Protein backbone atom coordinates (compact mmCIF):
# COMPACT_ATOMS: atom_id res chain seq x y z
CA ALA A 1 0.00 -0.01 0.00
CA GLU A 2 2.89 2.34 0.81
CA HIS A 3 4.44 1.56 -2.58
CA GLU A 4 1.11 2.34 -4.26
CA THR A 5 0.92 5.63 -2.33
CA GLU A 6 4.47 6.50 -3.47
CA LYS A 7 3.61 5.54 -7.04
CA GLY A 8 0.46 7.66 -6.90
CA GLU A 9 2.45 10.58 -5.49
CA THR A 10 5.04 10.16 -8.27
CA LEU A 11 2.27 10.06 -10.90
CA ARG A 12 0.71 13.20 -9.38
CA ARG A 13 4.07 15.03 -9.41
CA ASP A 14 4.70 13.95 -13.00
CA PHE A 15 1.26 15.16 -14.00
CA GLU A 16 1.78 18.49 -12.24
CA GLN A 17 5.20 18.89 -13.89
CA ARG A 18 3.76 18.19 -17.34
CA ALA A 19 0.91 20.60 -16.70
CA ALA A 20 3.35 23.30 -15.55
CA GLU A 21 5.51 22.77 -18.63
CA THR A 22 2.46 22.93 -20.91
CA THR A 23 1.23 26.10 -19.21
CA GLN A 24 4.72 27.66 -19.59
CA HIS A 25 4.81 26.67 -23.26
CA VAL A 26 1.38 28.19 -23.91
CA SER A 27 2.39 31.36 -22.08
CA GLU A 28 5.59 31.67 -24.16
CA GLU A 29 3.69 31.06 -27.38
CA LEU A 30 1.08 33.68 -26.53
CA SER A 31 3.80 36.17 -25.62
CA ARG A 32 5.63 35.48 -28.87
CA ALA A 33 2.41 35.83 -30.86
CA ALA A 34 1.60 39.10 -29.12
CA ASP A 35 5.13 40.37 -29.91
CA GLU A 36 4.79 39.39 -33.57
CA LEU A 37 1.40 41.03 -33.82
CA ALA A 38 2.71 44.19 -32.13
CA GLN A 39 5.59 44.34 -34.64
CA GLU A 40 3.18 43.87 -37.53
CA ARG A 41 0.94 46.59 -36.14
CA SER A 42 3.93 48.89 -35.77
CA ARG A 43 5.00 48.29 -39.38
CA HIS A 44 1.49 48.84 -40.63
CA ALA A 45 1.10 52.09 -38.65
CA ALA A 46 4.41 53.40 -40.04
CA ALA A 47 3.13 52.77 -43.56
CA CYS A 48 0.13 55.05 -43.03
CA SER A 49 1.35 58.50 -44.07
CA GLU A 50 -1.53 60.87 -43.33
CA ALA A 51 -3.05 61.46 -39.89
CA GLN A 52 -6.50 60.25 -40.89
CA GLN A 53 -5.07 57.16 -42.53
CA ARG A 54 -2.97 56.46 -39.41
CA GLU A 55 -6.02 56.76 -37.19
CA ALA A 56 -8.08 54.48 -39.45
CA CYS A 57 -5.19 52.03 -39.74
CA ALA A 58 -4.73 51.97 -35.96
CA ARG A 59 -8.41 51.20 -35.38
CA GLU A 60 -8.39 48.53 -38.05
CA GLU A 61 -5.17 47.01 -36.75
CA ALA A 62 -6.41 47.10 -33.17
CA HIS A 63 -9.55 45.17 -34.17
CA ARG A 64 -7.48 42.72 -36.21
CA PHE A 65 -5.00 42.35 -33.34
CA GLN A 66 -7.79 41.67 -30.88
CA ALA A 67 -9.39 39.15 -33.22
CA GLU A 68 -6.09 37.38 -33.87
CA VAL A 69 -5.19 37.28 -30.16
CA LYS A 70 -8.64 35.89 -29.33
CA GLU A 71 -8.30 33.27 -32.04
CA ARG A 72 -4.80 32.28 -30.91
CA GLU A 73 -5.88 32.16 -27.28
CA GLN A 74 -8.82 29.94 -28.22
CA LEU A 75 -6.56 27.63 -30.22
CA GLU A 76 -4.08 27.47 -27.35
CA ARG A 77 -6.87 26.79 -24.86
CA GLU A 78 -8.17 24.01 -27.06
CA ALA A 79 -4.70 22.53 -27.46
CA LEU A 80 -4.04 22.78 -23.73
CA SER A 81 -7.41 21.23 -22.97
CA LYS A 82 -6.70 18.32 -25.30
CA GLU A 83 -3.24 17.81 -23.85
CA MET A 84 -4.56 17.98 -20.27
CA GLU A 85 -7.33 15.49 -21.13
CA GLY A 86 -4.69 13.16 -22.61
CA LEU A 87 -2.57 13.48 -19.50
CA LYS A 88 -5.63 12.88 -17.33
CA GLN A 89 -6.57 9.77 -19.29
CA SER A 90 -2.99 8.54 -19.13
CA LEU A 91 -2.87 9.10 -15.39
CA LEU A 92 -6.24 7.39 -14.91
CA GLN A 93 -5.00 4.41 -16.93
CA GLU A 94 -1.83 4.22 -14.85
CA VAL A 95 -3.88 4.32 -11.64
CA SER A 96 -6.22 1.64 -13.01
CA ASP A 97 -3.27 -0.53 -14.03
CA SER A 98 -1.67 -0.06 -10.61
CA GLN A 99 -4.92 -0.99 -8.86
CA ALA A 100 -5.25 -4.10 -11.02
CA ALA A 101 -1.65 -5.08 -10.21
CA LEU A 102 -2.26 -4.51 -6.52
CA ASP A 103 -5.47 -6.57 -6.63
CA GLN A 104 -3.62 -9.37 -8.44
CA TYR A 105 -0.78 -9.25 -5.90
CA ARG A 106 -3.23 -9.43 -3.01
CA LYS A 107 -5.08 -12.29 -4.64
CA GLN A 108 -1.86 -14.27 -5.17
CA HIS A 109 -0.16 -13.56 -1.85
CA LEU A 110 -2.94 -13.09 0.65
CA GLU A 111 -5.19 -16.04 -0.20
């Protein structure tokens, strides 16, 4: 039972580590995407020569930026959700396998 507790704790720590790494990866990707979009917005704004054009371009770019960020965030959330679900299923399978092995051990050695 102590071994199973240790194995469960190890599985939990592994799951938490993978989740932290995934969260960090998503955060870095969102930051990179925001940087790229900001650079694109800056280039676009510089290309607008007249004040009215710059104002219109800024509004347009802000809307596009917001839409792209929302889309990227949604895609990242979906990817993270899928990855987390896969990790959860993997962890549940490992727990199930461990329980089956423990039940088999008990059956063989305690009967």
